[in-house]
Structures are given as structure tokens and as C-alpha cells.
Amino acid sequence: MAYKQISAGGVVYRTGAAGLEIQLIVDRYGKISLPKGKMEQGETVEETALREICEETGTVGVIRAPIDVIKYTFQHPVHGIVNKEVHYFLVEAVGGETKAQTEEINAVEWHEPAVAWTRGTGNSYSNNIRILRKALSMLGIKTI
């Protein structure tokens, strides 16, 4: 029987003097990604998303809407085949201090939407591109 693993994260945005900005992270493999992590016992996917975003980036957020769920399988050395589900939410940054969790990620970046789209579709994971595109669309930003 396959092992099931659920993670959650989000596309974090903020609006400030510089206008709308999108948060991206540089993961420990040097890839551009979105903050996410594994669900802990007793948590909802929403709680997981907000906790992981805060842990990885220092950002305190509020969920504004669900974006989508990515599902894939991978081979784990202990558990064998793992059915992975990642729930992504559109999250508005409402506080905290931007700081990368160095054990997990290399950097946290804020970009205006066009730069975030270019950077987020470059050295990134293909399944993140769909999430980023949907999030930008939900924020009223057109992508190519």
C-alpha cells in the first residue's frame, strides 16, 4: 500500500509603497519555489500552510483563497511509493519579519509581479508554474 503525505503552502503577496509584491523562495537546491511543508498531526491544511510560510519565511499571513492541489508520486527510501498532495493557498502577508529559515531554504525574495513571473518560471519546478499563474490571475495580473 502506498504511503500518503500531505503538505501545504502558498503564494504570498503584499501591497505596500512599492505596490503589489509576490514572495518567492530559493530552496536548498537553489531552485525558485514557493513556501510549503508537511502537515503535522491534528492540523488542517490551512494551518499547515500558514505555519510553514511563517517558519520558512518569517511572514505572518492570512489565507484569502485556495489556489489548487498538486498531486504526484515519488519513491521514498523508507516508505516506498509516496502519494504526495500539496495544497496551495493565496496568502496575504499581514506581519512578521522576512527571514529565511536557513535549515530549509537559502533565501526569501519579494518581487513585483512581472519579475516574480519571470523568476518563478525560470529555475523552478514545473508544477509550481501552474500555481503561480493561477495566483497571479486571482490577483488580477495577466501572465503569458
N, C-alpha and C. Protein backbone atom coordinates (compact mmCIF):
# COMPACT_ATOMS: atom_id res chain seq x y z
N MET A 1 0.84 -1.20 0.00
CA MET A 1 0.00 0.00 0.00
C MET A 1 0.88 1.25 0.00
N ALA A 2 0.47 2.21 -0.78
CA ALA A 2 1.24 3.46 -0.89
C ALA A 2 1.05 4.32 0.36
N TYR A 3 2.06 5.02 0.68
CA TYR A 3 2.09 5.94 1.82
C TYR A 3 1.59 7.29 1.34
N LYS A 4 0.76 7.96 2.12
CA LYS A 4 0.23 9.27 1.71
C LYS A 4 0.87 10.37 2.53
N GLN A 5 1.28 11.42 1.85
CA GLN A 5 1.89 12.55 2.53
C GLN A 5 1.19 13.83 2.06
N ILE A 6 0.76 14.64 3.01
CA ILE A 6 0.08 15.89 2.68
C ILE A 6 0.94 17.06 3.12
N SER A 7 1.10 18.01 2.21
CA SER A 7 1.82 19.24 2.51
C SER A 7 0.92 20.41 2.12
N ALA A 8 1.28 21.59 2.60
CA ALA A 8 0.52 22.79 2.24
C ALA A 8 1.46 23.98 2.24
N GLY A 9 1.09 24.96 1.44
CA GLY A 9 1.89 26.18 1.34
C GLY A 9 1.10 27.24 0.61
N GLY A 10 1.81 28.22 0.09
CA GLY A 10 1.06 29.27 -0.57
C GLY A 10 1.87 30.20 -1.43
N VAL A 11 1.12 31.00 -2.16
CA VAL A 11 1.69 32.13 -2.88
C VAL A 11 1.36 33.33 -2.00
N VAL A 12 2.42 33.93 -1.46
CA VAL A 12 2.26 35.04 -0.52
C VAL A 12 2.43 36.35 -1.28
N TYR A 13 1.55 37.30 -0.98
CA TYR A 13 1.64 38.62 -1.61
C TYR A 13 1.49 39.70 -0.55
N ARG A 14 1.96 40.89 -0.88
CA ARG A 14 1.77 42.04 -0.01
C ARG A 14 1.62 43.28 -0.88
N THR A 15 0.96 44.26 -0.33
CA THR A 15 0.80 45.53 -1.03
C THR A 15 1.36 46.61 -0.13
N GLY A 16 2.34 47.31 -0.64
CA GLY A 16 2.97 48.37 0.14
C GLY A 16 3.28 49.56 -0.73
N ALA A 17 4.22 50.36 -0.28
CA ALA A 17 4.61 51.56 -1.03
C ALA A 17 5.07 51.21 -2.44
N ALA A 18 5.70 50.03 -2.57
CA ALA A 18 6.21 49.60 -3.88
C ALA A 18 5.11 48.96 -4.74
N GLY A 19 3.88 48.93 -4.23
CA GLY A 19 2.79 48.28 -4.96
C GLY A 19 2.71 46.82 -4.59
N LEU A 20 2.10 46.03 -5.46
CA LEU A 20 1.93 44.61 -5.20
C LEU A 20 3.26 43.87 -5.36
N GLU A 21 3.58 43.01 -4.38
CA GLU A 21 4.78 42.19 -4.46
C GLU A 21 4.43 40.75 -4.15
N ILE A 22 5.14 39.84 -4.82
CA ILE A 22 4.95 38.40 -4.67
C ILE A 22 6.20 37.82 -4.02
N GLN A 23 5.99 36.90 -3.08
CA GLN A 23 7.12 36.27 -2.39
C GLN A 23 7.51 34.97 -3.08
N LEU A 24 8.82 34.82 -3.30
CA LEU A 24 9.37 33.57 -3.81
C LEU A 24 10.47 33.14 -2.85
N ILE A 25 10.76 31.86 -2.81
CA ILE A 25 11.89 31.41 -2.01
C ILE A 25 12.90 30.72 -2.92
N VAL A 26 14.14 30.69 -2.46
CA VAL A 26 15.18 29.92 -3.13
C VAL A 26 15.40 28.72 -2.20
N ASP A 27 15.08 27.52 -2.69
CA ASP A 27 15.17 26.35 -1.81
C ASP A 27 16.62 25.89 -1.65
N ARG A 28 16.80 24.86 -0.85
CA ARG A 28 18.18 24.41 -0.54
C ARG A 28 18.88 23.80 -1.75
N TYR A 29 18.13 23.55 -2.84
CA TYR A 29 18.73 23.04 -4.08
C TYR A 29 19.01 24.18 -5.06
N GLY A 30 18.75 25.43 -4.63
CA GLY A 30 18.99 26.58 -5.49
C GLY A 30 17.87 26.87 -6.47
N LYS A 31 16.75 26.16 -6.34
CA LYS A 31 15.61 26.37 -7.23
C LYS A 31 14.66 27.42 -6.65
N ILE A 32 13.99 28.13 -7.54
CA ILE A 32 12.98 29.10 -7.13
C ILE A 32 11.71 28.31 -6.82
N SER A 33 11.11 28.60 -5.68
CA SER A 33 9.97 27.80 -5.26
C SER A 33 8.99 28.64 -4.44
N LEU A 34 8.01 27.95 -3.88
CA LEU A 34 7.01 28.56 -3.02
C LEU A 34 7.12 27.90 -1.65
N PRO A 35 6.88 28.66 -0.57
CA PRO A 35 6.97 28.06 0.75
C PRO A 35 5.88 27.01 0.97
N LYS A 36 6.31 25.86 1.48
CA LYS A 36 5.37 24.78 1.77
C LYS A 36 6.04 23.79 2.70
N GLY A 37 5.24 22.92 3.31
CA GLY A 37 5.81 21.90 4.17
C GLY A 37 4.77 20.87 4.57
N LYS A 38 5.25 19.86 5.29
CA LYS A 38 4.41 18.73 5.67
C LYS A 38 3.43 19.07 6.79
N MET A 39 2.26 18.49 6.66
CA MET A 39 1.21 18.64 7.66
C MET A 39 1.61 17.89 8.93
N GLU A 40 1.32 18.49 10.07
CA GLU A 40 1.58 17.84 11.36
C GLU A 40 0.27 17.30 11.93
N GLN A 41 0.40 16.35 12.82
CA GLN A 41 -0.76 15.72 13.46
C GLN A 41 -1.73 16.77 14.01
N GLY A 42 -3.02 16.62 13.65
CA GLY A 42 -4.04 17.50 14.21
C GLY A 42 -4.21 18.83 13.50
N GLU A 43 -3.42 19.08 12.46
CA GLU A 43 -3.53 20.35 11.74
C GLU A 43 -4.48 20.23 10.56
N THR A 44 -5.07 21.36 10.18
CA THR A 44 -5.79 21.43 8.91
C THR A 44 -4.77 21.85 7.85
N VAL A 45 -5.12 21.70 6.57
CA VAL A 45 -4.19 22.13 5.51
C VAL A 45 -3.95 23.64 5.60
N GLU A 46 -4.98 24.38 5.99
CA GLU A 46 -4.83 25.84 6.12
C GLU A 46 -3.83 26.19 7.21
N GLU A 47 -3.93 25.51 8.36
CA GLU A 47 -2.99 25.76 9.47
C GLU A 47 -1.57 25.38 9.06
N THR A 48 -1.45 24.27 8.33
CA THR A 48 -0.13 23.84 7.85
C THR A 48 0.47 24.91 6.95
N ALA A 49 -0.31 25.40 5.99
CA ALA A 49 0.19 26.41 5.05
C ALA A 49 0.71 27.64 5.79
N LEU A 50 -0.09 28.16 6.71
CA LEU A 50 0.31 29.38 7.43
C LEU A 50 1.52 29.13 8.34
N ARG A 51 1.57 27.98 8.98
CA ARG A 51 2.71 27.66 9.85
C ARG A 51 3.99 27.53 9.03
N GLU A 52 3.91 26.79 7.92
CA GLU A 52 5.10 26.58 7.09
C GLU A 52 5.60 27.89 6.47
N ILE A 53 4.67 28.74 6.02
CA ILE A 53 5.07 30.03 5.45
C ILE A 53 5.80 30.85 6.52
N CYS A 54 5.24 30.86 7.72
CA CYS A 54 5.86 31.62 8.82
C CYS A 54 7.23 31.03 9.19
N GLU A 55 7.30 29.71 9.29
CA GLU A 55 8.57 29.06 9.65
C GLU A 55 9.65 29.30 8.60
N GLU A 56 9.29 29.15 7.32
CA GLU A 56 10.29 29.25 6.26
C GLU A 56 10.68 30.68 5.92
N THR A 57 9.72 31.62 6.03
CA THR A 57 9.99 32.98 5.53
C THR A 57 9.86 34.07 6.58
N GLY A 58 9.35 33.75 7.76
CA GLY A 58 9.13 34.77 8.79
C GLY A 58 7.86 35.57 8.58
N THR A 59 7.13 35.27 7.51
CA THR A 59 5.93 36.04 7.16
C THR A 59 4.69 35.50 7.87
N VAL A 60 3.95 36.40 8.50
CA VAL A 60 2.66 36.05 9.09
C VAL A 60 1.61 36.37 8.03
N GLY A 61 0.79 35.38 7.70
CA GLY A 61 -0.17 35.59 6.62
C GLY A 61 -1.59 35.23 6.98
N VAL A 62 -2.49 35.64 6.10
CA VAL A 62 -3.91 35.32 6.21
C VAL A 62 -4.31 34.71 4.87
N ILE A 63 -4.99 33.56 4.93
CA ILE A 63 -5.43 32.91 3.70
C ILE A 63 -6.60 33.70 3.11
N ARG A 64 -6.46 34.02 1.83
CA ARG A 64 -7.53 34.74 1.12
C ARG A 64 -8.36 33.81 0.25
N ALA A 65 -7.76 32.73 -0.26
CA ALA A 65 -8.49 31.78 -1.12
C ALA A 65 -7.62 30.56 -1.38
N PRO A 66 -8.26 29.40 -1.63
CA PRO A 66 -7.48 28.24 -2.08
C PRO A 66 -7.08 28.45 -3.54
N ILE A 67 -5.90 27.99 -3.91
CA ILE A 67 -5.47 28.11 -5.31
C ILE A 67 -5.70 26.78 -6.02
N ASP A 68 -5.04 25.72 -5.54
CA ASP A 68 -5.16 24.42 -6.19
C ASP A 68 -4.44 23.38 -5.36
N VAL A 69 -4.60 22.12 -5.75
CA VAL A 69 -3.91 21.00 -5.11
C VAL A 69 -3.09 20.29 -6.19
N ILE A 70 -1.82 20.08 -5.90
CA ILE A 70 -0.94 19.33 -6.80
C ILE A 70 -0.82 17.93 -6.23
N LYS A 71 -0.92 16.92 -7.11
CA LYS A 71 -0.76 15.53 -6.67
C LYS A 71 0.30 14.87 -7.53
N TYR A 72 1.21 14.14 -6.87
CA TYR A 72 2.21 13.38 -7.60
C TYR A 72 2.70 12.24 -6.72
N THR A 73 3.44 11.31 -7.32
CA THR A 73 4.02 10.21 -6.54
C THR A 73 5.53 10.25 -6.68
N PHE A 74 6.20 9.76 -5.65
CA PHE A 74 7.65 9.64 -5.71
C PHE A 74 8.09 8.44 -4.89
N GLN A 75 9.30 8.01 -5.13
CA GLN A 75 9.87 6.86 -4.43
C GLN A 75 10.64 7.34 -3.21
N HIS A 76 10.24 6.84 -2.04
CA HIS A 76 10.91 7.20 -0.78
C HIS A 76 11.74 6.00 -0.31
N PRO A 77 12.97 6.23 0.19
CA PRO A 77 13.83 5.10 0.60
C PRO A 77 13.24 4.24 1.72
N VAL A 78 12.41 4.82 2.59
CA VAL A 78 11.83 4.07 3.71
C VAL A 78 10.40 3.63 3.41
N HIS A 79 9.57 4.59 2.96
CA HIS A 79 8.14 4.32 2.78
C HIS A 79 7.77 3.72 1.43
N GLY A 80 8.72 3.67 0.50
CA GLY A 80 8.41 3.16 -0.84
C GLY A 80 7.69 4.23 -1.65
N ILE A 81 6.61 3.81 -2.31
CA ILE A 81 5.88 4.78 -3.14
C ILE A 81 5.07 5.70 -2.24
N VAL A 82 5.24 7.00 -2.45
CA VAL A 82 4.52 8.00 -1.67
C VAL A 82 3.59 8.76 -2.60
N ASN A 83 2.31 8.82 -2.20
CA ASN A 83 1.33 9.67 -2.90
C ASN A 83 1.35 11.01 -2.19
N LYS A 84 1.83 12.02 -2.88
CA LYS A 84 2.00 13.34 -2.28
C LYS A 84 0.88 14.26 -2.76
N GLU A 85 0.36 15.03 -1.82
CA GLU A 85 -0.67 16.04 -2.12
C GLU A 85 -0.19 17.35 -1.53
N VAL A 86 -0.14 18.40 -2.34
CA VAL A 86 0.27 19.71 -1.83
C VAL A 86 -0.86 20.71 -2.08
N HIS A 87 -1.37 21.27 -1.00
CA HIS A 87 -2.47 22.24 -1.06
C HIS A 87 -1.86 23.64 -1.04
N TYR A 88 -2.19 24.43 -2.06
CA TYR A 88 -1.68 25.80 -2.14
C TYR A 88 -2.80 26.81 -1.95
N PHE A 89 -2.47 27.87 -1.21
CA PHE A 89 -3.42 28.94 -0.92
C PHE A 89 -2.85 30.29 -1.32
N LEU A 90 -3.75 31.22 -1.61
CA LEU A 90 -3.36 32.61 -1.84
C LEU A 90 -3.33 33.25 -0.45
N VAL A 91 -2.16 33.75 -0.06
CA VAL A 91 -1.96 34.23 1.30
C VAL A 91 -1.49 35.68 1.29
N GLU A 92 -2.21 36.52 2.03
CA GLU A 92 -1.79 37.92 2.15
C GLU A 92 -0.90 38.07 3.37
N ALA A 93 0.27 38.67 3.15
CA ALA A 93 1.19 38.93 4.26
C ALA A 93 0.62 40.05 5.11
N VAL A 94 0.50 39.80 6.42
CA VAL A 94 -0.06 40.82 7.31
C VAL A 94 0.91 41.19 8.43
N GLY A 95 2.06 40.53 8.46
CA GLY A 95 3.02 40.85 9.51
C GLY A 95 4.23 39.95 9.45
N GLY A 96 5.01 39.99 10.53
CA GLY A 96 6.22 39.19 10.58
C GLY A 96 7.40 39.95 10.01
N GLU A 97 8.53 39.31 10.05
CA GLU A 97 9.76 39.90 9.53
C GLU A 97 10.37 38.90 8.56
N THR A 98 10.61 39.34 7.32
CA THR A 98 11.14 38.44 6.30
C THR A 98 12.51 37.93 6.70
N LYS A 99 12.59 36.61 6.86
CA LYS A 99 13.84 35.99 7.28
C LYS A 99 13.81 34.54 6.82
N ALA A 100 14.80 34.13 6.04
CA ALA A 100 14.85 32.75 5.55
C ALA A 100 15.21 31.78 6.67
N GLN A 101 14.50 30.67 6.72
CA GLN A 101 14.82 29.60 7.66
C GLN A 101 15.98 28.83 7.04
N THR A 102 17.19 29.16 7.48
CA THR A 102 18.39 28.66 6.79
C THR A 102 18.55 27.14 6.77
N GLU A 103 17.93 26.43 7.69
CA GLU A 103 18.00 24.97 7.65
C GLU A 103 17.22 24.42 6.46
N GLU A 104 16.23 25.15 6.03
CA GLU A 104 15.33 24.66 4.97
C GLU A 104 15.54 25.33 3.61
N ILE A 105 15.75 26.64 3.64
CA ILE A 105 15.82 27.38 2.38
C ILE A 105 17.01 28.35 2.38
N ASN A 106 17.38 28.80 1.19
CA ASN A 106 18.53 29.71 1.05
C ASN A 106 18.16 31.18 1.11
N ALA A 107 16.98 31.54 0.61
CA ALA A 107 16.61 32.96 0.57
C ALA A 107 15.11 33.15 0.42
N VAL A 108 14.66 34.34 0.84
CA VAL A 108 13.27 34.77 0.64
C VAL A 108 13.36 36.06 -0.16
N GLU A 109 12.58 36.14 -1.22
CA GLU A 109 12.62 37.31 -2.10
C GLU A 109 11.21 37.88 -2.30
N TRP A 110 11.14 39.19 -2.44
CA TRP A 110 9.88 39.86 -2.81
C TRP A 110 10.10 40.51 -4.17
N HIS A 111 9.16 40.29 -5.10
CA HIS A 111 9.29 40.85 -6.45
C HIS A 111 7.96 41.44 -6.90
N GLU A 112 8.06 42.46 -7.74
CA GLU A 112 6.82 42.92 -8.37
C GLU A 112 6.37 41.80 -9.32
N PRO A 113 5.07 41.73 -9.63
CA PRO A 113 4.51 40.56 -10.32
C PRO A 113 5.22 40.12 -11.60
N ALA A 114 5.60 41.04 -12.48
CA ALA A 114 6.23 40.63 -13.74
C ALA A 114 7.58 39.95 -13.48
N VAL A 115 8.34 40.47 -12.54
CA VAL A 115 9.64 39.89 -12.19
C VAL A 115 9.42 38.53 -11.50
N ALA A 116 8.42 38.47 -10.62
CA ALA A 116 8.10 37.21 -9.93
C ALA A 116 7.74 36.13 -10.96
N TRP A 117 6.97 36.51 -11.97
CA TRP A 117 6.57 35.54 -13.00
C TRP A 117 7.79 35.05 -13.77
N THR A 118 8.66 35.97 -14.21
CA THR A 118 9.86 35.60 -14.96
C THR A 118 10.77 34.71 -14.12
N ARG A 119 11.00 35.13 -12.89
CA ARG A 119 11.88 34.37 -11.99
C ARG A 119 11.23 33.05 -11.59
N GLY A 120 9.95 33.08 -11.34
CA GLY A 120 9.23 31.89 -10.89
C GLY A 120 9.01 30.84 -11.97
N THR A 121 9.24 31.21 -13.23
CA THR A 121 9.09 30.24 -14.32
C THR A 121 10.44 29.87 -14.91
N GLY A 122 11.52 30.41 -14.32
CA GLY A 122 12.86 30.09 -14.80
C GLY A 122 13.37 28.83 -14.15
N ASN A 123 14.25 28.97 -13.19
CA ASN A 123 14.86 27.83 -12.49
C ASN A 123 13.93 27.37 -11.38
N SER A 124 12.81 26.75 -11.78
CA SER A 124 11.80 26.38 -10.79
C SER A 124 11.26 24.98 -11.08
N TYR A 125 10.26 24.59 -10.32
CA TYR A 125 9.61 23.29 -10.51
C TYR A 125 8.40 23.48 -11.40
N SER A 126 8.24 22.61 -12.40
CA SER A 126 7.16 22.80 -13.37
C SER A 126 5.79 22.86 -12.71
N ASN A 127 5.55 22.09 -11.65
CA ASN A 127 4.21 22.13 -11.05
C ASN A 127 3.95 23.41 -10.27
N ASN A 128 5.00 24.17 -9.95
CA ASN A 128 4.80 25.47 -9.29
C ASN A 128 4.32 26.54 -10.26
N ILE A 129 4.64 26.37 -11.54
CA ILE A 129 4.30 27.40 -12.54
C ILE A 129 2.79 27.57 -12.64
N ARG A 130 2.07 26.44 -12.65
CA ARG A 130 0.60 26.49 -12.73
C ARG A 130 0.02 27.21 -11.51
N ILE A 131 0.60 26.94 -10.33
CA ILE A 131 0.13 27.56 -9.09
C ILE A 131 0.39 29.07 -9.13
N LEU A 132 1.58 29.45 -9.55
CA LEU A 132 1.93 30.87 -9.64
C LEU A 132 1.04 31.59 -10.65
N ARG A 133 0.80 30.95 -11.79
CA ARG A 133 -0.07 31.55 -12.83
C ARG A 133 -1.48 31.77 -12.28
N LYS A 134 -2.03 30.76 -11.59
CA LYS A 134 -3.38 30.89 -11.03
C LYS A 134 -3.44 31.99 -9.97
N ALA A 135 -2.40 32.03 -9.11
CA ALA A 135 -2.36 33.04 -8.04
C ALA A 135 -2.33 34.45 -8.63
N LEU A 136 -1.48 34.66 -9.64
CA LEU A 136 -1.39 35.98 -10.27
C LEU A 136 -2.71 36.34 -10.93
N SER A 137 -3.35 35.37 -11.56
CA SER A 137 -4.65 35.60 -12.19
C SER A 137 -5.69 36.00 -11.13
N MET A 138 -5.66 35.34 -9.98
CA MET A 138 -6.60 35.67 -8.89
C MET A 138 -6.36 37.08 -8.37
N LEU A 139 -5.12 37.55 -8.50
CA LEU A 139 -4.78 38.91 -8.07
C LEU A 139 -5.01 39.93 -9.20
N GLY A 140 -5.53 39.45 -10.32
CA GLY A 140 -5.83 40.35 -11.45
C GLY A 140 -4.66 40.65 -12.34
N ILE A 141 -3.62 39.80 -12.28
CA ILE A 141 -2.43 40.01 -13.09
C ILE A 141 -2.39 39.00 -14.22
N LYS A 142 -2.19 39.49 -15.43
CA LYS A 142 -2.14 38.63 -16.60
C LYS A 142 -0.73 38.08 -16.77
N THR A 143 -0.64 36.79 -17.08
CA THR A 143 0.65 36.18 -17.41
C THR A 143 0.60 35.75 -18.87
N ILE A 144 1.72 35.34 -19.37
CA ILE A 144 1.78 34.92 -20.79
C ILE A 144 1.28 33.51 -20.93
